Amino acid sequence: MYNRSFFRSQLGQAAIASIAAMATFVVLSSQIAVTTPTPVLAAYEQVEIA
């Protein structure tokens, strides 16, 4: 798998930076409150058959 010499290389440093950026994005995006839009009321009358 990966060893210390890989993480000392430029490619390894880029991999670490990419992992850190993805983790930061996940943390920041989980802080955003997702609000559901209010449902639009129906413009027609509903008739129920008993």
PDB file of N, CA and C in Angstrom:
ATOM      1  N   MET A   1       0.864  -1.176   0.000  1.00  0.00           N
ATOM      2  CA  MET A   1       0.000   0.000   0.000  1.00  0.00           C
ATOM      3  C   MET A   1       0.906   1.234   0.000  1.00  0.00           C
ATOM      4  N   TYR A   2       0.561   2.256   0.741  1.00  0.00           N
ATOM      5  CA  TYR A   2       1.366   3.469   0.768  1.00  0.00           C
ATOM      6  C   TYR A   2       2.354   3.386   1.923  1.00  0.00           C
ATOM      7  N   ASN A   3       3.535   3.910   1.688  1.00  0.00           N
ATOM      8  CA  ASN A   3       4.534   3.947   2.757  1.00  0.00           C
ATOM      9  C   ASN A   3       5.015   5.383   2.939  1.00  0.00           C
ATOM     10  N   ARG A   4       5.951   5.576   3.828  1.00  0.00           N
ATOM     11  CA  ARG A   4       6.397   6.935   4.158  1.00  0.00           C
ATOM     12  C   ARG A   4       7.061   7.621   2.976  1.00  0.00           C
ATOM     13  N   SER A   5       7.767   6.862   2.154  1.00  0.00           N
ATOM     14  CA  SER A   5       8.439   7.495   1.013  1.00  0.00           C
ATOM     15  C   SER A   5       7.429   8.026  -0.002  1.00  0.00           C
ATOM     16  N   PHE A   6       6.268   7.373  -0.105  1.00  0.00           N
ATOM     17  CA  PHE A   6       5.234   7.896  -1.006  1.00  0.00           C
ATOM     18  C   PHE A   6       4.732   9.241  -0.519  1.00  0.00           C
ATOM     19  N   PHE A   7       4.460   9.372   0.759  1.00  0.00           N
ATOM     20  CA  PHE A   7       3.919  10.622   1.278  1.00  0.00           C
ATOM     21  C   PHE A   7       4.959  11.732   1.315  1.00  0.00           C
ATOM     22  N   ARG A   8       6.226  11.396   1.162  1.00  0.00           N
ATOM     23  CA  ARG A   8       7.269  12.423   1.065  1.00  0.00           C
ATOM     24  C   ARG A   8       7.432  12.929  -0.357  1.00  0.00           C
ATOM     25  N   SER A   9       6.900  12.214  -1.330  1.00  0.00           N
ATOM     26  CA  SER A   9       7.020  12.634  -2.728  1.00  0.00           C
ATOM     27  C   SER A   9       5.997  13.724  -3.033  1.00  0.00           C
ATOM     28  N   GLN A  10       6.142  14.354  -4.213  1.00  0.00           N
ATOM     29  CA  GLN A  10       5.201  15.394  -4.605  1.00  0.00           C
ATOM     30  C   GLN A  10       3.808  14.814  -4.806  1.00  0.00           C
ATOM     31  N   LEU A  11       3.733  13.623  -5.374  1.00  0.00           N
ATOM     32  CA  LEU A  11       2.434  12.988  -5.572  1.00  0.00           C
ATOM     33  C   LEU A  11       1.768  12.673  -4.230  1.00  0.00           C
ATOM     34  N   GLY A  12       2.537  12.229  -3.268  1.00  0.00           N
ATOM     35  CA  GLY A  12       2.005  11.951  -1.940  1.00  0.00           C
ATOM     36  C   GLY A  12       1.521  13.207  -1.247  1.00  0.00           C
ATOM     37  N   GLN A  13       2.272  14.301  -1.400  1.00  0.00           N
ATOM     38  CA  GLN A  13       1.856  15.574  -0.812  1.00  0.00           C
ATOM     39  C   GLN A  13       0.560  16.053  -1.453  1.00  0.00           C
ATOM     40  N   ALA A  14       0.434  15.861  -2.764  1.00  0.00           N
ATOM     41  CA  ALA A  14      -0.791  16.245  -3.452  1.00  0.00           C
ATOM     42  C   ALA A  14      -1.955  15.377  -2.983  1.00  0.00           C
ATOM     43  N   ALA A  15      -1.706  14.096  -2.736  1.00  0.00           N
ATOM     44  CA  ALA A  15      -2.757  13.210  -2.244  1.00  0.00           C
ATOM     45  C   ALA A  15      -3.227  13.650  -0.865  1.00  0.00           C
ATOM     46  N   ILE A  16      -2.309  14.016  -0.007  1.00  0.00           N
ATOM     47  CA  ILE A  16      -2.672  14.483   1.337  1.00  0.00           C
ATOM     48  C   ILE A  16      -3.480  15.775   1.243  1.00  0.00           C
ATOM     49  N   ALA A  17      -3.067  16.689   0.363  1.00  0.00           N
ATOM     50  CA  ALA A  17      -3.798  17.943   0.200  1.00  0.00           C
ATOM     51  C   ALA A  17      -5.197  17.683  -0.336  1.00  0.00           C
ATOM     52  N   SER A  18      -5.328  16.736  -1.251  1.00  0.00           N
ATOM     53  CA  SER A  18      -6.632  16.411  -1.815  1.00  0.00           C
ATOM     54  C   SER A  18      -7.550  15.810  -0.755  1.00  0.00           C
ATOM     55  N   ILE A  19      -7.019  14.917   0.058  1.00  0.00           N
ATOM     56  CA  ILE A  19      -7.810  14.304   1.129  1.00  0.00           C
ATOM     57  C   ILE A  19      -8.258  15.358   2.136  1.00  0.00           C
ATOM     58  N   ALA A  20      -7.361  16.278   2.468  1.00  0.00           N
ATOM     59  CA  ALA A  20      -7.709  17.343   3.408  1.00  0.00           C
ATOM     60  C   ALA A  20      -8.782  18.258   2.824  1.00  0.00           C
ATOM     61  N   ALA A  21      -8.686  18.567   1.528  1.00  0.00           N
ATOM     62  CA  ALA A  21      -9.685  19.428   0.892  1.00  0.00           C
ATOM     63  C   ALA A  21     -11.048  18.742   0.865  1.00  0.00           C
ATOM     64  N   MET A  22     -11.076  17.447   0.558  1.00  0.00           N
ATOM     65  CA  MET A  22     -12.358  16.731   0.541  1.00  0.00           C
ATOM     66  C   MET A  22     -12.966  16.663   1.933  1.00  0.00           C
ATOM     67  N   ALA A  23     -12.151  16.418   2.938  1.00  0.00           N
ATOM     68  CA  ALA A  23     -12.662  16.354   4.307  1.00  0.00           C
ATOM     69  C   ALA A  23     -13.205  17.714   4.741  1.00  0.00           C
ATOM     70  N   THR A  24     -12.500  18.786   4.369  1.00  0.00           N
ATOM     71  CA  THR A  24     -12.963  20.133   4.696  1.00  0.00           C
ATOM     72  C   THR A  24     -14.291  20.429   4.010  1.00  0.00           C
ATOM     73  N   PHE A  25     -14.414  20.018   2.744  1.00  0.00           N
ATOM     74  CA  PHE A  25     -15.656  20.237   2.008  1.00  0.00           C
ATOM     75  C   PHE A  25     -16.816  19.502   2.669  1.00  0.00           C
ATOM     76  N   VAL A  26     -16.593  18.280   3.104  1.00  0.00           N
ATOM     77  CA  VAL A  26     -17.655  17.508   3.758  1.00  0.00           C
ATOM     78  C   VAL A  26     -18.078  18.176   5.056  1.00  0.00           C
ATOM     79  N   VAL A  27     -17.121  18.638   5.829  1.00  0.00           N
ATOM     80  CA  VAL A  27     -17.440  19.295   7.099  1.00  0.00           C
ATOM     81  C   VAL A  27     -18.212  20.586   6.855  1.00  0.00           C
ATOM     82  N   LEU A  28     -17.758  21.384   5.895  1.00  0.00           N
ATOM     83  CA  LEU A  28     -18.436  22.656   5.639  1.00  0.00           C
ATOM     84  C   LEU A  28     -19.805  22.454   5.016  1.00  0.00           C
ATOM     85  N   SER A  29     -19.950  21.467   4.147  1.00  0.00           N
ATOM     86  CA  SER A  29     -21.245  21.257   3.519  1.00  0.00           C
ATOM     87  C   SER A  29     -22.257  20.660   4.492  1.00  0.00           C
ATOM     88  N   SER A  30     -21.791  19.984   5.528  1.00  0.00           N
ATOM     89  CA  SER A  30     -22.731  19.447   6.507  1.00  0.00           C
ATOM     90  C   SER A  30     -23.245  20.543   7.438  1.00  0.00           C
ATOM     91  N   GLN A  31     -22.583  21.700   7.441  1.00  0.00           N
ATOM     92  CA  GLN A  31     -23.023  22.814   8.274  1.00  0.00           C
ATOM     93  C   GLN A  31     -24.156  23.602   7.622  1.00  0.00           C
ATOM     94  N   ILE A  32     -24.345  23.436   6.320  1.00  0.00           N
ATOM     95  CA  ILE A  32     -25.385  24.170   5.608  1.00  0.00           C
ATOM     96  C   ILE A  32     -26.731  23.525   5.897  1.00  0.00           C
ATOM     97  N   ALA A  33     -27.670  24.317   6.396  1.00  0.00           N
ATOM     98  CA  ALA A  33     -28.996  23.807   6.707  1.00  0.00           C
ATOM     99  C   ALA A  33     -29.800  23.720   5.419  1.00  0.00           C
ATOM    100  N   VAL A  34     -30.260  22.537   5.119  1.00  0.00           N
ATOM    101  CA  VAL A  34     -31.064  22.347   3.912  1.00  0.00           C
ATOM    102  C   VAL A  34     -32.526  22.512   4.304  1.00  0.00           C
ATOM    103  N   THR A  35     -33.150  23.530   3.752  1.00  0.00           N
ATOM    104  CA  THR A  35     -34.559  23.764   4.042  1.00  0.00           C
ATOM    105  C   THR A  35     -35.379  23.296   2.856  1.00  0.00           C
ATOM    106  N   THR A  36     -36.450  22.620   3.136  1.00  0.00           N
ATOM    107  CA  THR A  36     -37.317  22.147   2.073  1.00  0.00           C
ATOM    108  C   THR A  36     -38.240  23.279   1.646  1.00  0.00           C
ATOM    109  N   PRO A  37     -38.472  23.410   0.374  1.00  0.00           N
ATOM    110  CA  PRO A  37     -39.368  24.486  -0.074  1.00  0.00           C
ATOM    111  C   PRO A  37     -40.798  24.215   0.361  1.00  0.00           C
ATOM    112  N   THR A  38     -41.523  25.276   0.605  1.00  0.00           N
ATOM    113  CA  THR A  38     -42.914  25.118   1.026  1.00  0.00           C
ATOM    114  C   THR A  38     -43.731  24.608  -0.147  1.00  0.00           C
ATOM    115  N   PRO A  39     -44.595  23.657   0.084  1.00  0.00           N
ATOM    116  CA  PRO A  39     -45.376  23.118  -1.031  1.00  0.00           C
ATOM    117  C   PRO A  39     -46.380  24.155  -1.543  1.00  0.00           C
ATOM    118  N   VAL A  40     -46.536  24.164  -2.832  1.00  0.00           N
ATOM    119  CA  VAL A  40     -47.478  25.091  -3.458  1.00  0.00           C
ATOM    120  C   VAL A  40     -48.877  24.513  -3.292  1.00  0.00           C
ATOM    121  N   LEU A  41     -49.796  25.366  -2.839  1.00  0.00           N
ATOM    122  CA  LEU A  41     -51.164  24.911  -2.661  1.00  0.00           C
ATOM    123  C   LEU A  41     -51.809  24.627  -4.008  1.00  0.00           C
ATOM    124  N   ALA A  42     -52.626  23.613  -4.030  1.00  0.00           N
ATOM    125  CA  ALA A  42     -53.296  23.250  -5.273  1.00  0.00           C
ATOM    126  C   ALA A  42     -54.267  24.351  -5.678  1.00  0.00           C
ATOM    127  N   ALA A  43     -54.315  24.645  -6.967  1.00  0.00           N
ATOM    128  CA  ALA A  43     -55.161  25.719  -7.460  1.00  0.00           C
ATOM    129  C   ALA A  43     -56.552  25.216  -7.832  1.00  0.00           C
ATOM    130  N   TYR A  44     -56.826  23.955  -7.597  1.00  0.00           N
ATOM    131  CA  TYR A  44     -58.142  23.414  -7.922  1.00  0.00           C
ATOM    132  C   TYR A  44     -58.729  22.747  -6.690  1.00  0.00           C
ATOM    133  N   GLU A  45     -60.038  22.631  -6.670  1.00  0.00           N
ATOM    134  CA  GLU A  45     -60.702  22.005  -5.536  1.00  0.00           C
ATOM    135  C   GLU A  45     -60.723  20.486  -5.726  1.00  0.00           C
ATOM    136  N   GLN A  46     -60.507  19.806  -4.629  1.00  0.00           N
ATOM    137  CA  GLN A  46     -60.535  18.360  -4.686  1.00  0.00           C
ATOM    138  C   GLN A  46     -61.910  17.895  -4.224  1.00  0.00           C
ATOM    139  N   VAL A  47     -62.482  16.978  -4.966  1.00  0.00           N
ATOM    140  CA  VAL A  47     -63.800  16.455  -4.633  1.00  0.00           C
ATOM    141  C   VAL A  47     -63.637  15.005  -4.240  1.00  0.00           C
ATOM    142  N   GLU A  48     -64.164  14.674  -3.081  1.00  0.00           N
ATOM    143  CA  GLU A  48     -64.117  13.288  -2.630  1.00  0.00           C
ATOM    144  C   GLU A  48     -65.476  12.640  -2.850  1.00  0.00           C
ATOM    145  N   ILE A  49     -65.411  11.431  -3.341  1.00  0.00           N
ATOM    146  CA  ILE A  49     -66.649  10.677  -3.530  1.00  0.00           C
ATOM    147  C   ILE A  49     -66.820   9.726  -2.360  1.00  0.00           C
ATOM    148  N   ALA A  50     -67.936   9.889  -1.655  1.00  0.00           N
ATOM    149  CA  ALA A  50     -68.165   9.087  -0.460  1.00  0.00           C
ATOM    150  C   ALA A  50     -68.779   7.739  -0.819  1.00  0.00           C
TER     151      ALA A  50
END
